[in-house]
């Protein structure tokens, strides 16, 4: 590994918006968003042959059944 000298300059104005706690907060919010998206994700039903026809109206394409989304109001 080679070390190169760099010029460290003091900050001339303002303050950093990226502190440790701020970064932690953003990361936790991102993880909560990912968990929410994963809960919302609907896995397609993998079916074979005539099984797809027994589950009501659906489009069968290569063993994957695409059903209309069920909305709860």
Foldseek 3Di string as FASTA:
>chain_A
DDDDDDDDDDDDDDDDPDDPVVVVVVVVVVVVVVVVVVVPDDDWDFADDCPLVVPPDFDDDPRTTDDDDDDDD
